[in-house]
Protein backbone atom coordinates (compact mmCIF):
# COMPACT_ATOMS: atom_id res chain seq x y z
CA MET A 1 0.00 0.00 0.00
CA GLN A 2 1.30 3.45 -0.90
CA GLY A 3 0.75 6.46 1.33
CA GLY A 4 -1.99 8.75 0.08
CA SER A 5 -3.63 6.03 -2.03
CA PRO A 6 -7.33 5.30 -1.43
CA THR A 7 -8.00 2.03 0.38
CA ASN A 8 -11.70 1.82 -0.62
CA VAL A 9 -12.36 0.43 2.85
CA THR A 10 -15.60 1.79 4.36
CA ALA A 11 -17.30 1.50 7.74
CA GLU A 12 -19.02 -1.63 6.42
CA GLY A 13 -15.73 -3.54 6.56
CA PRO A 14 -15.57 -4.16 10.33
CA GLU A 15 -19.33 -4.59 10.82
CA LEU A 16 -20.52 -7.59 12.84
CA LYS A 17 -23.54 -9.47 11.53
CA GLY A 18 -26.44 -9.47 13.94
CA ALA A 19 -24.95 -6.67 16.05
CA ARG A 20 -26.03 -3.08 16.32
CA ASN A 21 -23.25 -1.32 14.43
CA VAL A 22 -22.81 2.39 15.21
CA VAL A 23 -20.72 4.69 13.02
CA ILE A 24 -19.58 8.02 14.52
CA PRO A 25 -17.87 10.01 11.76
CA GLY A 26 -14.72 11.99 12.47
CA LEU A 27 -13.53 10.16 15.58
CA ASP A 28 -10.09 8.56 15.67
CA HIS A 29 -9.02 5.21 17.09
CA ARG A 30 -8.80 6.41 20.69
CA GLU A 31 -11.81 8.70 20.63
CA THR A 32 -14.11 5.78 19.87
CA ALA A 33 -13.60 4.84 23.53
CA TYR A 34 -13.35 8.28 25.16
CA HIS A 35 -15.46 10.74 23.16
CA PRO A 36 -18.82 11.95 24.60
CA LEU A 37 -20.63 10.66 21.50
CA ALA A 38 -19.08 7.21 22.02
CA PHE A 39 -20.16 7.29 25.67
CA LYS A 40 -23.70 8.18 24.58
CA ALA A 41 -23.87 5.22 22.19
CA MET A 42 -22.51 2.78 24.80
CA TYR A 43 -24.83 4.09 27.51
CA GLU A 44 -27.88 3.74 25.29
CA PHE A 45 -26.92 0.18 24.36
CA ILE A 46 -26.42 -0.89 28.00
CA THR A 47 -29.37 0.92 29.61
CA GLY A 48 -31.81 1.25 26.74
CA LYS A 49 -32.13 5.02 27.19
CA ALA A 50 -30.14 8.15 26.47
CA PRO A 51 -27.91 9.56 29.24
CA ALA A 52 -29.12 12.66 31.07
CA THR A 53 -25.92 14.40 30.00
CA VAL A 54 -22.68 13.66 28.17
CA GLU A 55 -20.86 16.44 29.99
CA ILE A 56 -18.50 15.68 32.88
CA THR A 57 -20.03 16.56 36.25
CA HIS A 58 -17.47 18.59 38.18
CA GLU A 59 -16.23 17.79 41.65
CA GLU A 60 -15.03 20.87 43.52
CA ARG A 61 -12.16 19.02 45.22
CA PRO A 62 -11.21 15.94 43.17
CA VAL A 63 -8.79 13.46 44.73
CA LEU A 64 -6.02 12.36 42.37
CA ASN A 65 -3.60 9.44 42.47
CA GLY A 66 -1.77 7.06 40.17
CA LEU A 67 1.48 5.29 39.42
CA VAL A 68 4.92 6.47 38.42
CA SER A 69 6.23 3.93 35.91
CA GLY A 70 9.59 3.42 34.24
CA PHE A 71 11.32 3.25 30.87
CA VAL A 72 13.76 0.40 30.14
CA ASN A 73 15.54 -0.60 26.91
CA GLY A 74 13.59 1.88 24.84
CA SER A 75 10.14 0.85 26.10
CA TYR A 76 7.68 1.96 28.76
CA THR A 77 7.35 -0.71 31.47
CA ASN A 78 4.01 0.36 33.02
CA LEU A 79 5.46 -1.07 36.26
CA PRO A 80 5.61 0.84 39.58
CA LEU A 81 8.79 2.83 40.01
CA PRO A 82 9.91 3.50 43.63
CA GLY A 83 12.18 6.30 44.79
CA VAL A 84 10.78 9.02 42.52
CA THR A 85 9.94 12.38 44.07
CA VAL A 86 6.84 13.99 42.57
CA ALA A 87 6.05 17.66 43.22
CA VAL A 88 2.78 19.24 42.07
CA TYR A 89 2.53 23.02 41.65
CA GLU A 90 -0.52 25.10 40.84
CA VAL A 91 0.33 27.42 37.93
CA ASP A 92 -1.18 30.49 36.35
CA PRO A 93 -2.83 29.36 33.08
CA GLU A 94 -1.97 32.69 31.45
CA THR A 95 1.76 32.74 32.32
CA GLY A 96 2.71 29.21 33.41
CA GLN A 97 4.29 30.68 36.54
CA ARG A 98 4.01 28.69 39.75
CA ARG A 99 1.63 29.99 42.38
CA GLY A 100 3.73 29.45 45.50
CA GLU A 101 5.25 26.31 46.93
CA ALA A 102 4.34 22.76 45.94
CA ALA A 103 0.71 21.90 46.65
CA HIS A 104 1.73 18.27 46.99
CA LYS A 105 5.03 16.41 47.27
CA LYS A 106 5.80 12.73 47.77
CA THR A 107 8.54 10.19 47.08
CA THR A 108 7.11 6.95 45.72
CA GLY A 109 7.43 3.69 47.64
CA TRP A 110 7.39 0.12 46.41
CA ASP A 111 3.90 0.52 44.90
CA GLY A 112 4.88 3.55 42.81
CA THR A 113 1.92 5.70 43.88
CA TRP A 114 2.51 9.45 43.92
CA GLY A 115 -0.72 10.53 45.72
CA PRO A 116 -3.32 10.94 46.98
CA PHE A 117 -3.58 14.65 46.23
CA THR A 118 -6.70 16.75 46.78
CA ALA A 119 -6.83 19.22 43.90
CA SER A 120 -9.08 22.03 42.71
CA SER A 121 -11.20 21.33 39.63
CA SER A 122 -10.49 24.82 38.32
CA ALA A 123 -6.69 24.78 38.78
CA TYR A 124 -3.94 24.12 36.25
CA TYR A 125 -1.04 22.06 37.61
CA GLU A 126 2.59 21.34 36.82
CA PHE A 127 3.80 17.83 37.75
CA VAL A 128 7.57 17.63 38.23
CA PHE A 129 9.38 14.29 38.60
CA ASN A 130 12.40 12.30 37.51
CA SER A 131 14.02 8.98 38.26
CA PRO A 132 17.54 9.07 39.76
CA GLY A 133 19.90 10.16 36.99
CA GLY A 134 17.07 10.51 34.50
CA PRO A 135 15.47 13.50 32.79
CA VAL A 136 13.34 15.95 34.77
CA PHE A 137 9.78 16.06 33.46
CA HIS A 138 7.53 19.10 33.73
CA ILE A 139 4.02 18.00 32.74
CA TYR A 140 1.53 20.87 32.65
CA ARG A 141 -2.07 19.73 32.76
CA THR A 142 -5.50 21.21 32.19
CA PRO A 143 -7.89 21.02 35.19
CA PHE A 144 -9.02 17.65 36.53
CA LEU A 145 -12.80 17.80 36.75
CA ARG A 146 -13.31 14.58 38.74
CA SER A 147 -11.39 12.26 41.03
CA SER A 148 -9.22 9.55 39.53
CA ASN A 149 -6.70 7.00 40.81
CA ILE A 150 -5.23 6.22 37.38
CA ILE A 151 -3.30 9.45 36.72
CA GLY A 152 -0.11 7.88 35.41
CA LEU A 153 3.28 9.60 35.34
CA ARG A 154 5.62 7.90 32.89
CA VAL A 155 9.37 8.33 33.13
CA GLY A 156 10.76 8.37 29.62
CA PRO A 157 13.54 9.71 27.43
CA ALA A 158 14.13 13.44 27.31
CA PRO A 159 14.39 15.15 23.91
CA ARG A 160 18.07 14.87 23.09
CA GLY A 161 20.12 16.22 20.24
CA ALA A 162 17.93 19.31 19.93
CA ALA A 163 19.77 22.61 19.62
CA GLY A 164 17.46 24.37 22.07
CA ASP A 165 14.59 23.85 24.47
CA THR A 166 11.51 21.86 23.50
CA VAL A 167 7.81 22.03 24.32
CA THR A 168 5.59 19.04 23.51
CA ILE A 169 1.81 19.01 23.11
CA SER A 170 0.23 15.71 24.20
CA ARG A 171 -3.30 14.34 23.85
CA PRO A 172 -3.50 10.91 25.51
CA ARG A 173 -7.25 10.43 24.94
CA GLY A 174 -7.09 11.02 21.19
CA TYR A 175 -4.88 11.92 18.27
CA LEU A 176 -4.13 15.29 16.68
CA GLY A 177 -5.96 15.57 13.38
CA VAL A 178 -4.63 18.08 10.83
CA GLY A 179 -7.66 19.98 9.51
CA ARG A 180 -9.94 18.36 12.08
CA ASP A 181 -8.44 19.80 15.27
CA THR A 182 -7.04 23.23 16.04
CA PHE A 183 -3.70 22.93 17.81
CA SER A 184 -0.63 25.09 18.12
CA ILE A 185 2.46 25.82 20.21
CA ASP A 186 3.33 29.51 20.47
CA GLY A 187 0.88 30.21 17.65
CA LYS A 188 2.51 27.77 15.20
CA ALA A 189 1.90 24.20 14.08
CA PRO A 190 4.11 21.74 15.98
CA GLU A 191 6.45 19.29 14.31
CA GLY A 192 5.73 15.58 14.20
CA VAL A 193 2.00 15.60 13.35
CA ALA A 194 1.34 13.94 10.01
CA PRO A 195 -1.58 14.98 7.76
CA GLY A 196 -4.24 12.52 6.70
CA VAL A 197 -5.72 9.91 9.03
CA PRO A 198 -4.88 11.05 12.61
CA THR A 199 -2.16 8.79 14.04
CA ASN A 200 -0.04 11.12 16.21
CA ASP A 201 -0.95 11.99 19.80
CA SER A 202 1.85 14.51 20.25
CA GLY A 203 3.96 17.12 18.49
CA ARG A 204 6.76 19.42 19.57
CA MET A 205 8.38 22.75 18.92
CA LEU A 206 11.96 23.84 19.40
CA PHE A 207 12.89 27.15 21.05
CA PRO A 208 16.29 28.83 21.29
CA ALA A 209 18.10 27.92 24.50
CA GLY A 210 18.23 30.75 26.96
CA ALA A 211 16.11 32.48 29.55
CA GLN A 212 12.90 30.80 30.68
CA ARG A 213 9.89 32.05 28.75
CA PRO A 214 6.12 31.46 28.66
CA VAL A 215 4.68 29.46 25.75
CA LYS A 216 0.95 29.27 24.97
CA VAL A 217 -0.32 25.88 23.84
CA VAL A 218 -3.78 25.42 22.28
CA LEU A 219 -5.93 22.37 21.55
CA ASN A 220 -9.39 23.13 20.15
CA LYS A 221 -11.29 25.03 22.87
CA ASP A 222 -8.65 24.51 25.57
CA SER A 223 -5.43 26.38 26.13
CA MET A 224 -2.71 26.73 28.73
CA THR A 225 0.63 28.46 29.11
CA VAL A 226 3.75 26.52 30.07
CA GLN A 227 7.27 27.61 30.90
CA THR A 228 10.35 26.46 28.98
CA TRP A 229 13.02 24.57 30.91
CA PRO A 230 16.61 23.96 29.72
CA ALA A 231 16.93 20.81 27.62
CA ALA A 232 20.71 21.12 28.05
CA GLU A 233 20.13 20.31 31.73
CA ASN A 234 17.96 17.31 30.83
CA HIS A 235 14.53 18.92 31.29
CA ALA A 236 11.48 17.94 29.25
CA VAL A 237 8.32 20.08 29.02
CA ILE A 238 4.93 18.58 28.10
CA ALA A 239 1.54 20.31 27.80
CA GLU A 240 -1.02 17.55 28.33
CA PHE A 241 -4.69 18.02 27.47
CA HIS A 242 -7.39 15.85 28.94
């Protein structure tokens, strides 16, 4: 198969005979599990009626927790990683600057859990962590609207070989679709997002090394501002959208 060539495969291809087959146009591989329209279809199938709402009901003080996991031989292990100190800072969404001292700080034990942490559903947070001798990650996140105990923090490789500091946009619950989604870093399209069928969940932009600076990151209706950190000192910056 050559890239850009039509496959002539339609939604009829994966249909199951005798089943109720639902087609939701425009959703990518991950969104078919996480999108509100997918939730609506699943809810109706299970209960026989439409949900009262497909919007997330906010909790004022959600409780967050999850695992810190490692990276070995070029692969994520998804296994608990002890001895990692995690610090969580509330940040200003317009500047990315920290609002005071860490709102939460903990060194993981044998089970790898970094919480629990009682957050605010309207706050933007920066999660800072690294394994001994590994890169320092700064993951900026949009507000958590509800409690969850599966907020994973993955230790991984830092961007190396780049002649400057990097900022990465990340969308774990879906891909970045060129022409379908609106996304940018500092007002420009990030590198690493291929056109066509959405298959990339992240992209990055390189900035000249130097003084720390704010960078606005946008995904559709959401936006946040992060701060650059020196890649030369093994820092990695990620703007993660829920």
